[in-house]
């Protein structure tokens, strides 16, 4: 099997697609994990506190 430019481009596009899908799934799972709710609520309230000062 020869590795020409078209083969490498097709492989990188496929690998990149699966990499991004996996990364997206990890980010969504992290964002909706129940134990992270307190961290996100505190971060959201800190922004509003900073603007009021």
PDB file of N, CA and C in Angstrom:
ATOM      1  N   UNK A   1       0.846  -1.182   0.000  1.00  0.00           N
ATOM      2  CA  UNK A   1       0.000   0.000   0.000  1.00  0.00           C
ATOM      3  C   UNK A   1       0.890   1.245   0.000  1.00  0.00           C
ATOM      4  N   UNK A   2       0.646   2.108  -0.944  1.00  0.00           N
ATOM      5  CA  UNK A   2       1.435   3.331  -1.024  1.00  0.00           C
ATOM      6  C   UNK A   2       0.716   4.466  -0.309  1.00  0.00           C
ATOM      7  N   UNK A   3       1.494   5.334   0.266  1.00  0.00           N
ATOM      8  CA  UNK A   3       0.941   6.480   0.964  1.00  0.00           C
ATOM      9  C   UNK A   3       1.133   7.717   0.101  1.00  0.00           C
ATOM     10  N   UNK A   4       0.193   7.954  -0.758  1.00  0.00           N
ATOM     11  CA  UNK A   4       0.259   9.173  -1.550  1.00  0.00           C
ATOM     12  C   UNK A   4      -0.529  10.269  -0.836  1.00  0.00           C
ATOM     13  N   UNK A   5      -0.563  11.424  -1.436  1.00  0.00           N
ATOM     14  CA  UNK A   5      -1.187  12.582  -0.805  1.00  0.00           C
ATOM     15  C   UNK A   5      -2.684  12.359  -0.573  1.00  0.00           C
ATOM     16  N   UNK A   6      -3.383  11.802  -1.538  1.00  0.00           N
ATOM     17  CA  UNK A   6      -4.829  11.603  -1.411  1.00  0.00           C
ATOM     18  C   UNK A   6      -5.165  10.620  -0.291  1.00  0.00           C
ATOM     19  N   UNK A   7      -4.364   9.574  -0.134  1.00  0.00           N
ATOM     20  CA  UNK A   7      -4.593   8.608   0.941  1.00  0.00           C
ATOM     21  C   UNK A   7      -4.398   9.262   2.298  1.00  0.00           C
ATOM     22  N   UNK A   8      -3.356  10.039   2.441  1.00  0.00           N
ATOM     23  CA  UNK A   8      -3.103  10.711   3.711  1.00  0.00           C
ATOM     24  C   UNK A   8      -4.169  11.752   4.034  1.00  0.00           C
ATOM     25  N   UNK A   9      -4.641  12.464   3.029  1.00  0.00           N
ATOM     26  CA  UNK A   9      -5.696  13.453   3.255  1.00  0.00           C
ATOM     27  C   UNK A   9      -6.989  12.759   3.692  1.00  0.00           C
ATOM     28  N   UNK A  10      -7.351  11.665   3.057  1.00  0.00           N
ATOM     29  CA  UNK A  10      -8.564  10.931   3.421  1.00  0.00           C
ATOM     30  C   UNK A  10      -8.451  10.384   4.840  1.00  0.00           C
ATOM     31  N   UNK A  11      -7.284   9.858   5.185  1.00  0.00           N
ATOM     32  CA  UNK A  11      -7.076   9.340   6.539  1.00  0.00           C
ATOM     33  C   UNK A  11      -7.169  10.457   7.571  1.00  0.00           C
ATOM     34  N   UNK A  12      -6.556  11.597   7.293  1.00  0.00           N
ATOM     35  CA  UNK A  12      -6.578  12.689   8.261  1.00  0.00           C
ATOM     36  C   UNK A  12      -7.971  13.280   8.420  1.00  0.00           C
ATOM     37  N   UNK A  13      -8.741  13.326   7.342  1.00  0.00           N
ATOM     38  CA  UNK A  13     -10.113  13.827   7.452  1.00  0.00           C
ATOM     39  C   UNK A  13     -10.956  12.882   8.300  1.00  0.00           C
ATOM     40  N   UNK A  14     -10.809  11.596   8.091  1.00  0.00           N
ATOM     41  CA  UNK A  14     -11.569  10.622   8.872  1.00  0.00           C
ATOM     42  C   UNK A  14     -11.149  10.657  10.333  1.00  0.00           C
ATOM     43  N   UNK A  15      -9.836  10.656  10.576  1.00  0.00           N
ATOM     44  CA  UNK A  15      -9.343  10.684  11.943  1.00  0.00           C
ATOM     45  C   UNK A  15      -9.773  11.979  12.634  1.00  0.00           C
ATOM     46  N   UNK A  16      -9.686  13.079  11.949  1.00  0.00           N
ATOM     47  CA  UNK A  16     -10.090  14.354  12.532  1.00  0.00           C
ATOM     48  C   UNK A  16     -11.566  14.389  12.877  1.00  0.00           C
ATOM     49  N   UNK A  17     -12.391  13.791  12.032  1.00  0.00           N
ATOM     50  CA  UNK A  17     -13.823  13.739  12.308  1.00  0.00           C
ATOM     51  C   UNK A  17     -14.103  12.958  13.577  1.00  0.00           C
ATOM     52  N   UNK A  18     -13.509  11.782  13.706  1.00  0.00           N
ATOM     53  CA  UNK A  18     -13.740  10.966  14.905  1.00  0.00           C
ATOM     54  C   UNK A  18     -13.137  11.605  16.143  1.00  0.00           C
ATOM     55  N   UNK A  19     -12.008  12.265  15.991  1.00  0.00           N
ATOM     56  CA  UNK A  19     -11.391  12.971  17.110  1.00  0.00           C
ATOM     57  C   UNK A  19     -12.308  14.091  17.606  1.00  0.00           C
ATOM     58  N   UNK A  20     -12.835  14.886  16.700  1.00  0.00           N
ATOM     59  CA  UNK A  20     -13.708  15.989  17.099  1.00  0.00           C
ATOM     60  C   UNK A  20     -15.026  15.484  17.689  1.00  0.00           C
ATOM     61  N   UNK A  21     -15.566  14.402  17.151  1.00  0.00           N
ATOM     62  CA  UNK A  21     -16.798  13.836  17.711  1.00  0.00           C
ATOM     63  C   UNK A  21     -16.554  13.341  19.133  1.00  0.00           C
ATOM     64  N   UNK A  22     -15.423  12.692  19.355  1.00  0.00           N
ATOM     65  CA  UNK A  22     -15.096  12.217  20.699  1.00  0.00           C
ATOM     66  C   UNK A  22     -14.865  13.363  21.667  1.00  0.00           C
ATOM     67  N   UNK A  23     -14.155  14.378  21.215  1.00  0.00           N
ATOM     68  CA  UNK A  23     -13.897  15.547  22.060  1.00  0.00           C
ATOM     69  C   UNK A  23     -15.199  16.256  22.409  1.00  0.00           C
ATOM     70  N   UNK A  24     -16.110  16.387  21.449  1.00  0.00           N
ATOM     71  CA  UNK A  24     -17.400  17.019  21.695  1.00  0.00           C
ATOM     72  C   UNK A  24     -18.196  16.225  22.723  1.00  0.00           C
ATOM     73  N   UNK A  25     -18.193  14.899  22.601  1.00  0.00           N
ATOM     74  CA  UNK A  25     -18.923  14.057  23.552  1.00  0.00           C
ATOM     75  C   UNK A  25     -18.359  14.212  24.958  1.00  0.00           C
ATOM     76  N   UNK A  26     -17.038  14.278  25.088  1.00  0.00           N
ATOM     77  CA  UNK A  26     -16.424  14.451  26.408  1.00  0.00           C
ATOM     78  C   UNK A  26     -16.794  15.799  27.011  1.00  0.00           C
ATOM     79  N   UNK A  27     -16.780  16.851  26.213  1.00  0.00           N
ATOM     80  CA  UNK A  27     -17.130  18.184  26.712  1.00  0.00           C
ATOM     81  C   UNK A  27     -18.588  18.236  27.155  1.00  0.00           C
ATOM     82  N   UNK A  28     -19.482  17.636  26.387  1.00  0.00           N
ATOM     83  CA  UNK A  28     -20.906  17.639  26.753  1.00  0.00           C
ATOM     84  C   UNK A  28     -21.127  16.837  28.033  1.00  0.00           C
ATOM     85  N   UNK A  29     -20.476  15.700  28.150  1.00  0.00           N
ATOM     86  CA  UNK A  29     -20.615  14.892  29.372  1.00  0.00           C
ATOM     87  C   UNK A  29     -20.088  15.664  30.571  1.00  0.00           C
ATOM     88  N   UNK A  30     -18.960  16.335  30.421  1.00  0.00           N
ATOM     89  CA  UNK A  30     -18.403  17.136  31.512  1.00  0.00           C
ATOM     90  C   UNK A  30     -19.346  18.281  31.901  1.00  0.00           C
ATOM     91  N   UNK A  31     -19.928  18.928  30.919  1.00  0.00           N
ATOM     92  CA  UNK A  31     -20.795  20.072  31.203  1.00  0.00           C
ATOM     93  C   UNK A  31     -22.079  19.651  31.913  1.00  0.00           C
ATOM     94  N   UNK A  32     -22.597  18.491  31.593  1.00  0.00           N
ATOM     95  CA  UNK A  32     -23.853  18.049  32.196  1.00  0.00           C
ATOM     96  C   UNK A  32     -23.664  17.087  33.366  1.00  0.00           C
ATOM     97  N   UNK A  33     -22.430  16.853  33.807  1.00  0.00           N
ATOM     98  CA  UNK A  33     -22.190  15.979  34.945  1.00  0.00           C
ATOM     99  C   UNK A  33     -22.759  16.654  36.200  1.00  0.00           C
ATOM    100  N   UNK A  34     -23.552  15.944  36.996  1.00  0.00           N
ATOM    101  CA  UNK A  34     -24.231  16.585  38.137  1.00  0.00           C
ATOM    102  C   UNK A  34     -23.298  17.229  39.161  1.00  0.00           C
ATOM    103  N   UNK A  35     -22.131  16.677  39.395  1.00  0.00           N
ATOM    104  CA  UNK A  35     -21.252  17.248  40.417  1.00  0.00           C
ATOM    105  C   UNK A  35     -20.611  18.564  39.977  1.00  0.00           C
ATOM    106  N   UNK A  36     -20.690  18.919  38.707  1.00  0.00           N
ATOM    107  CA  UNK A  36     -20.107  20.169  38.216  1.00  0.00           C
ATOM    108  C   UNK A  36     -21.091  21.341  38.294  1.00  0.00           C
ATOM    109  N   UNK A  37     -22.334  21.091  38.670  1.00  0.00           N
ATOM    110  CA  UNK A  37     -23.350  22.139  38.699  1.00  0.00           C
ATOM    111  C   UNK A  37     -22.949  23.279  39.636  1.00  0.00           C
ATOM    112  N   UNK A  38     -22.442  22.948  40.809  1.00  0.00           N
ATOM    113  CA  UNK A  38     -22.057  23.992  41.764  1.00  0.00           C
ATOM    114  C   UNK A  38     -20.944  24.884  41.212  1.00  0.00           C
ATOM    115  N   UNK A  39     -19.968  24.286  40.541  1.00  0.00           N
ATOM    116  CA  UNK A  39     -18.873  25.079  39.967  1.00  0.00           C
ATOM    117  C   UNK A  39     -19.389  26.053  38.918  1.00  0.00           C
ATOM    118  N   UNK A  40     -20.289  25.581  38.069  1.00  0.00           N
ATOM    119  CA  UNK A  40     -20.815  26.440  37.010  1.00  0.00           C
ATOM    120  C   UNK A  40     -21.727  27.528  37.582  1.00  0.00           C
ATOM    121  N   UNK A  41     -22.506  27.209  38.601  1.00  0.00           N
ATOM    122  CA  UNK A  41     -23.353  28.229  39.233  1.00  0.00           C
ATOM    123  C   UNK A  41     -22.516  29.311  39.912  1.00  0.00           C
ATOM    124  N   UNK A  42     -21.437  28.900  40.581  1.00  0.00           N
ATOM    125  CA  UNK A  42     -20.558  29.890  41.220  1.00  0.00           C
ATOM    126  C   UNK A  42     -19.880  30.771  40.182  1.00  0.00           C
ATOM    127  N   UNK A  43     -19.438  30.183  39.097  1.00  0.00           N
ATOM    128  CA  UNK A  43     -18.789  30.968  38.043  1.00  0.00           C
ATOM    129  C   UNK A  43     -19.769  31.966  37.425  1.00  0.00           C
ATOM    130  N   UNK A  44     -21.010  31.557  37.240  1.00  0.00           N
ATOM    131  CA  UNK A  44     -22.006  32.460  36.664  1.00  0.00           C
ATOM    132  C   UNK A  44     -22.328  33.604  37.618  1.00  0.00           C
ATOM    133  N   UNK A  45     -22.395  33.331  38.908  1.00  0.00           N
ATOM    134  CA  UNK A  45     -22.725  34.397  39.857  1.00  0.00           C
ATOM    135  C   UNK A  45     -21.543  35.342  40.064  1.00  0.00           C
ATOM    136  N   UNK A  46     -20.317  34.848  39.928  1.00  0.00           N
ATOM    137  CA  UNK A  46     -19.153  35.723  40.066  1.00  0.00           C
ATOM    138  C   UNK A  46     -19.125  36.798  38.989  1.00  0.00           C
ATOM    139  N   UNK A  47     -19.542  36.454  37.798  1.00  0.00           N
ATOM    140  CA  UNK A  47     -19.553  37.441  36.715  1.00  0.00           C
ATOM    141  C   UNK A  47     -20.527  38.566  37.054  1.00  0.00           C
ATOM    142  N   UNK A  48     -21.684  38.207  37.577  1.00  0.00           N
ATOM    143  CA  UNK A  48     -22.676  39.233  37.918  1.00  0.00           C
ATOM    144  C   UNK A  48     -22.209  40.061  39.102  1.00  0.00           C
ATOM    145  N   UNK A  49     -21.527  39.454  40.063  1.00  0.00           N
ATOM    146  CA  UNK A  49     -21.011  40.208  41.213  1.00  0.00           C
ATOM    147  C   UNK A  49     -19.956  41.208  40.766  1.00  0.00           C
ATOM    148  N   UNK A  50     -19.090  40.837  39.827  1.00  0.00           N
ATOM    149  CA  UNK A  50     -18.059  41.731  39.342  1.00  0.00           C
ATOM    150  C   UNK A  50     -18.651  42.955  38.644  1.00  0.00           C
ATOM    151  N   UNK A  51     -19.738  42.757  37.917  1.00  0.00           N
ATOM    152  CA  UNK A  51     -20.345  43.876  37.203  1.00  0.00           C
ATOM    153  C   UNK A  51     -21.045  44.843  38.151  1.00  0.00           C
ATOM    154  N   UNK A  52     -21.533  44.377  39.289  1.00  0.00           N
ATOM    155  CA  UNK A  52     -22.245  45.228  40.225  1.00  0.00           C
ATOM    156  C   UNK A  52     -21.300  46.092  41.053  1.00  0.00           C
ATOM    157  N   UNK A  53     -20.059  45.706  41.160  1.00  0.00           N
ATOM    158  CA  UNK A  53     -19.102  46.475  41.969  1.00  0.00           C
ATOM    159  C   UNK A  53     -18.594  47.687  41.292  1.00  0.00           C
TER     160      UNK A  53
END
